[in-house]
Amino acid sequence: MPILGLHHVTATVDEAQPDLDFCLKGLGLRLVKKTVNFDNHFVYHFYYGDERGTPGTIWTTFPYANRGVRAGTKGAGQVTATAFFVATFLAYAGTPHVVGRPATS
């Protein structure tokens, strides 16, 4: 059976407040749910999504800074970038844009 879509994608981040600011103000996402990591109750688990929390729009993060998890090191096979397109990000970053693509100079 082919994969038809993803319910959500999860990333680890550093600090909670900059993550909230970026996702809410920068990307224009909505905080759908806030829980804690079931394996480390000192770490939040933030769920962001569209205004309805539609599956496929969900981006979740774990802000691990200073929460008992050592920083990772880059290695073979490690994901080092994740693409998640939201047009409002370009405005947050100060980049002039046309919806769907950056403007050219």
N, C-alpha and C. Protein backbone atom coordinates (compact mmCIF):
# COMPACT_ATOMS: atom_id res chain seq x y z
N MET A 1 0.84 -1.17 0.00
CA MET A 1 0.00 0.00 0.00
C MET A 1 0.89 1.24 0.00
N PRO A 2 0.66 2.19 -0.89
CA PRO A 2 1.48 3.40 -0.93
C PRO A 2 1.14 4.35 0.22
N ILE A 3 2.13 5.13 0.62
CA ILE A 3 1.90 6.16 1.64
C ILE A 3 1.21 7.32 0.95
N LEU A 4 0.04 7.70 1.43
CA LEU A 4 -0.75 8.75 0.80
C LEU A 4 -0.54 10.11 1.45
N GLY A 5 0.06 10.13 2.62
CA GLY A 5 0.30 11.40 3.30
C GLY A 5 0.84 11.16 4.68
N LEU A 6 1.16 12.24 5.35
CA LEU A 6 1.67 12.16 6.71
C LEU A 6 0.69 12.86 7.65
N HIS A 7 0.53 12.33 8.84
CA HIS A 7 -0.29 12.99 9.84
C HIS A 7 0.46 14.20 10.40
N HIS A 8 1.74 13.99 10.75
CA HIS A 8 2.55 15.08 11.29
C HIS A 8 4.03 14.78 11.12
N VAL A 9 4.82 15.82 11.30
CA VAL A 9 6.28 15.71 11.30
C VAL A 9 6.74 16.32 12.62
N THR A 10 7.73 15.70 13.26
CA THR A 10 8.24 16.17 14.55
C THR A 10 9.70 16.56 14.44
N ALA A 11 10.06 17.64 15.13
CA ALA A 11 11.45 18.10 15.16
C ALA A 11 11.85 18.39 16.60
N THR A 12 13.12 18.26 16.88
CA THR A 12 13.64 18.70 18.17
C THR A 12 14.17 20.12 17.96
N VAL A 13 13.94 20.96 18.95
CA VAL A 13 14.39 22.35 18.88
C VAL A 13 15.11 22.69 20.18
N ASP A 14 15.64 23.89 20.23
CA ASP A 14 16.41 24.30 21.41
C ASP A 14 15.47 24.84 22.49
N GLU A 15 15.14 26.09 22.47
CA GLU A 15 14.34 26.73 23.51
C GLU A 15 12.85 26.79 23.13
N ALA A 16 11.98 26.74 24.13
CA ALA A 16 10.54 26.73 23.90
C ALA A 16 10.01 28.07 23.37
N GLN A 17 10.37 29.19 23.99
CA GLN A 17 9.78 30.47 23.60
C GLN A 17 10.13 30.89 22.18
N PRO A 18 11.41 30.80 21.76
CA PRO A 18 11.70 31.12 20.36
C PRO A 18 10.97 30.20 19.37
N ASP A 19 10.79 28.94 19.76
CA ASP A 19 10.04 28.01 18.91
C ASP A 19 8.59 28.45 18.78
N LEU A 20 7.96 28.78 19.91
CA LEU A 20 6.58 29.27 19.88
C LEU A 20 6.47 30.54 19.04
N ASP A 21 7.38 31.49 19.26
CA ASP A 21 7.35 32.75 18.51
C ASP A 21 7.46 32.50 17.01
N PHE A 22 8.41 31.66 16.61
CA PHE A 22 8.63 31.37 15.20
C PHE A 22 7.41 30.69 14.57
N CYS A 23 6.90 29.66 15.22
CA CYS A 23 5.78 28.90 14.63
C CYS A 23 4.48 29.70 14.62
N LEU A 24 4.20 30.43 15.69
CA LEU A 24 2.95 31.18 15.78
C LEU A 24 3.01 32.49 15.00
N LYS A 25 4.04 33.29 15.24
CA LYS A 25 4.12 34.60 14.60
C LYS A 25 4.75 34.53 13.22
N GLY A 26 5.79 33.72 13.08
CA GLY A 26 6.51 33.64 11.81
C GLY A 26 5.81 32.80 10.76
N LEU A 27 5.43 31.59 11.15
CA LEU A 27 4.79 30.69 10.19
C LEU A 27 3.27 30.86 10.14
N GLY A 28 2.72 31.52 11.16
CA GLY A 28 1.27 31.72 11.18
C GLY A 28 0.50 30.47 11.52
N LEU A 29 1.17 29.49 12.15
CA LEU A 29 0.48 28.28 12.56
C LEU A 29 -0.27 28.53 13.86
N ARG A 30 -1.14 27.63 14.21
CA ARG A 30 -1.90 27.71 15.45
C ARG A 30 -1.37 26.64 16.39
N LEU A 31 -1.28 26.96 17.68
CA LEU A 31 -0.89 25.95 18.67
C LEU A 31 -2.13 25.10 18.92
N VAL A 32 -2.11 23.88 18.40
CA VAL A 32 -3.26 22.97 18.46
C VAL A 32 -3.33 22.30 19.82
N LYS A 33 -2.15 21.94 20.38
CA LYS A 33 -2.12 21.20 21.63
C LYS A 33 -0.75 21.37 22.27
N LYS A 34 -0.70 21.39 23.60
CA LYS A 34 0.56 21.43 24.35
C LYS A 34 0.50 20.32 25.39
N THR A 35 1.43 19.39 25.30
CA THR A 35 1.53 18.30 26.27
C THR A 35 2.98 18.23 26.74
N VAL A 36 3.34 17.16 27.38
CA VAL A 36 4.73 16.91 27.73
C VAL A 36 5.18 15.63 27.05
N ASN A 37 6.48 15.53 26.88
CA ASN A 37 7.08 14.33 26.31
C ASN A 37 6.84 13.18 27.29
N PHE A 38 6.29 12.09 26.81
CA PHE A 38 5.98 10.97 27.70
C PHE A 38 7.23 10.32 28.26
N ASP A 39 8.38 10.46 27.57
CA ASP A 39 9.63 9.88 28.04
C ASP A 39 10.44 10.81 28.92
N ASN A 40 10.15 12.11 28.87
CA ASN A 40 10.87 13.10 29.67
C ASN A 40 9.88 14.21 30.02
N HIS A 41 9.27 14.11 31.18
CA HIS A 41 8.19 15.02 31.56
C HIS A 41 8.63 16.46 31.79
N PHE A 42 9.93 16.73 31.67
CA PHE A 42 10.44 18.10 31.80
C PHE A 42 10.45 18.81 30.45
N VAL A 43 10.05 18.11 29.38
CA VAL A 43 10.09 18.65 28.02
C VAL A 43 8.67 18.78 27.48
N TYR A 44 8.34 19.97 26.99
CA TYR A 44 7.04 20.16 26.34
C TYR A 44 6.99 19.42 25.01
N HIS A 45 5.78 19.15 24.55
CA HIS A 45 5.54 18.65 23.19
C HIS A 45 4.47 19.57 22.61
N PHE A 46 4.90 20.45 21.69
CA PHE A 46 4.00 21.41 21.06
C PHE A 46 3.48 20.86 19.74
N TYR A 47 2.18 20.99 19.51
CA TYR A 47 1.55 20.58 18.26
C TYR A 47 1.04 21.84 17.57
N TYR A 48 1.52 22.10 16.37
CA TYR A 48 1.08 23.25 15.58
C TYR A 48 0.34 22.74 14.34
N GLY A 49 -0.58 23.54 13.82
CA GLY A 49 -1.27 23.15 12.60
C GLY A 49 -2.09 24.28 12.05
N ASP A 50 -2.92 23.97 11.06
CA ASP A 50 -3.80 24.99 10.51
C ASP A 50 -4.90 25.31 11.52
N GLU A 51 -5.82 26.16 11.13
CA GLU A 51 -6.85 26.61 12.08
C GLU A 51 -7.74 25.49 12.59
N ARG A 52 -7.78 24.35 11.90
CA ARG A 52 -8.60 23.21 12.33
C ARG A 52 -7.77 22.04 12.86
N GLY A 53 -6.45 22.14 12.78
CA GLY A 53 -5.62 21.01 13.21
C GLY A 53 -5.74 19.83 12.26
N THR A 54 -5.91 20.13 10.99
CA THR A 54 -6.12 19.10 9.97
C THR A 54 -4.91 18.18 9.86
N PRO A 55 -5.12 16.84 9.89
CA PRO A 55 -4.00 15.92 9.67
C PRO A 55 -3.28 16.27 8.36
N GLY A 56 -1.97 16.22 8.40
CA GLY A 56 -1.17 16.61 7.24
C GLY A 56 -0.64 18.03 7.37
N THR A 57 -1.24 18.82 8.27
CA THR A 57 -0.74 20.18 8.51
C THR A 57 -0.01 20.25 9.84
N ILE A 58 0.09 19.15 10.54
CA ILE A 58 0.62 19.17 11.90
C ILE A 58 2.15 19.09 11.92
N TRP A 59 2.75 20.04 12.64
CA TRP A 59 4.19 20.11 12.87
C TRP A 59 4.35 20.09 14.38
N THR A 60 5.10 19.16 14.93
CA THR A 60 5.26 19.11 16.38
C THR A 60 6.73 19.31 16.73
N THR A 61 6.96 19.86 17.91
CA THR A 61 8.34 20.09 18.35
C THR A 61 8.51 19.70 19.81
N PHE A 62 9.75 19.33 20.14
CA PHE A 62 10.18 19.07 21.51
C PHE A 62 11.32 20.05 21.81
N PRO A 63 11.10 21.08 22.64
CA PRO A 63 12.20 21.98 23.01
C PRO A 63 13.06 21.36 24.12
N TYR A 64 14.20 20.79 23.73
CA TYR A 64 15.03 20.02 24.64
C TYR A 64 16.13 20.79 25.37
N ALA A 65 16.34 22.07 25.08
CA ALA A 65 17.46 22.80 25.68
C ALA A 65 17.45 22.69 27.20
N ASN A 66 18.57 22.30 27.76
CA ASN A 66 18.76 22.21 29.21
C ASN A 66 17.73 21.31 29.90
N ARG A 67 17.30 20.27 29.22
CA ARG A 67 16.29 19.37 29.79
C ARG A 67 16.79 17.94 29.90
N GLY A 68 18.09 17.77 30.10
CA GLY A 68 18.64 16.45 30.35
C GLY A 68 18.89 15.62 29.11
N VAL A 69 18.90 16.24 27.96
CA VAL A 69 19.19 15.52 26.71
C VAL A 69 20.43 16.15 26.09
N ARG A 70 21.46 15.36 25.88
CA ARG A 70 22.68 15.93 25.32
C ARG A 70 22.46 16.32 23.86
N ALA A 71 23.18 17.33 23.42
CA ALA A 71 23.10 17.77 22.03
C ALA A 71 23.61 16.67 21.12
N GLY A 72 22.94 16.48 20.02
CA GLY A 72 23.35 15.45 19.06
C GLY A 72 24.58 15.87 18.27
N THR A 73 25.14 14.91 17.59
CA THR A 73 26.26 15.20 16.71
C THR A 73 25.89 14.72 15.32
N LYS A 74 26.37 15.43 14.31
CA LYS A 74 26.07 15.04 12.94
C LYS A 74 26.76 13.73 12.62
N GLY A 75 26.07 12.88 11.90
CA GLY A 75 26.64 11.60 11.53
C GLY A 75 26.02 11.07 10.25
N ALA A 76 26.53 9.97 9.79
CA ALA A 76 26.04 9.36 8.56
C ALA A 76 24.56 9.03 8.68
N GLY A 77 23.79 9.41 7.69
CA GLY A 77 22.37 9.09 7.66
C GLY A 77 21.48 10.02 8.47
N GLN A 78 22.04 11.03 9.12
CA GLN A 78 21.26 11.95 9.94
C GLN A 78 20.54 12.97 9.06
N VAL A 79 19.30 13.25 9.40
CA VAL A 79 18.56 14.30 8.72
C VAL A 79 19.09 15.63 9.24
N THR A 80 19.50 16.52 8.34
CA THR A 80 20.05 17.81 8.76
C THR A 80 19.17 18.97 8.32
N ALA A 81 18.12 18.70 7.55
CA ALA A 81 17.20 19.76 7.12
C ALA A 81 15.84 19.15 6.88
N THR A 82 14.81 19.92 7.16
CA THR A 82 13.44 19.50 6.91
C THR A 82 12.74 20.61 6.15
N ALA A 83 12.06 20.29 5.09
CA ALA A 83 11.31 21.29 4.33
C ALA A 83 9.87 21.30 4.81
N PHE A 84 9.37 22.48 5.09
CA PHE A 84 8.00 22.65 5.54
C PHE A 84 7.58 24.00 5.00
N PHE A 85 6.84 24.03 3.91
CA PHE A 85 6.54 25.28 3.22
C PHE A 85 5.30 25.96 3.80
N VAL A 86 5.51 27.18 4.25
CA VAL A 86 4.42 28.05 4.68
C VAL A 86 4.77 29.43 4.14
N ALA A 87 3.95 29.99 3.27
CA ALA A 87 4.28 31.25 2.59
C ALA A 87 4.55 32.39 3.57
N THR A 88 3.88 32.42 4.72
CA THR A 88 4.06 33.54 5.65
C THR A 88 5.46 33.56 6.26
N PHE A 89 6.20 32.45 6.21
CA PHE A 89 7.55 32.43 6.74
C PHE A 89 8.42 33.44 6.02
N LEU A 90 8.26 33.56 4.73
CA LEU A 90 9.09 34.46 3.96
C LEU A 90 8.92 35.90 4.44
N ALA A 91 7.71 36.29 4.78
CA ALA A 91 7.47 37.63 5.31
C ALA A 91 8.15 37.80 6.66
N TYR A 92 8.11 36.78 7.51
CA TYR A 92 8.75 36.82 8.83
C TYR A 92 10.25 36.98 8.68
N ALA A 93 10.82 36.31 7.70
CA ALA A 93 12.26 36.36 7.48
C ALA A 93 12.69 37.63 6.77
N GLY A 94 11.73 38.48 6.39
CA GLY A 94 12.06 39.72 5.71
C GLY A 94 12.35 39.53 4.23
N THR A 95 11.92 38.43 3.66
CA THR A 95 12.15 38.15 2.26
C THR A 95 10.93 38.52 1.44
N PRO A 96 11.09 39.45 0.47
CA PRO A 96 9.94 39.73 -0.40
C PRO A 96 9.62 38.47 -1.19
N HIS A 97 8.35 38.19 -1.40
CA HIS A 97 8.02 36.95 -2.08
C HIS A 97 6.72 37.06 -2.86
N VAL A 98 6.59 36.16 -3.79
CA VAL A 98 5.34 35.90 -4.47
C VAL A 98 4.86 34.61 -3.85
N VAL A 99 3.58 34.46 -3.59
CA VAL A 99 3.09 33.25 -2.94
C VAL A 99 3.61 32.02 -3.69
N GLY A 100 4.30 31.18 -2.96
CA GLY A 100 4.81 29.93 -3.54
C GLY A 100 6.25 29.97 -3.97
N ARG A 101 6.86 31.17 -4.08
CA ARG A 101 8.28 31.19 -4.46
C ARG A 101 8.92 32.52 -4.05
N PRO A 102 10.21 32.49 -3.69
CA PRO A 102 10.90 33.72 -3.33
C PRO A 102 11.01 34.65 -4.53
N ALA A 103 11.00 35.93 -4.27
CA ALA A 103 11.17 36.91 -5.34
C ALA A 103 12.62 36.90 -5.81
N THR A 104 12.84 37.19 -7.06
CA THR A 104 14.20 37.26 -7.58
C THR A 104 14.63 38.72 -7.61
N SER A 105 15.92 38.96 -7.46
CA SER A 105 16.44 40.34 -7.44
C SER A 105 16.74 40.81 -8.83
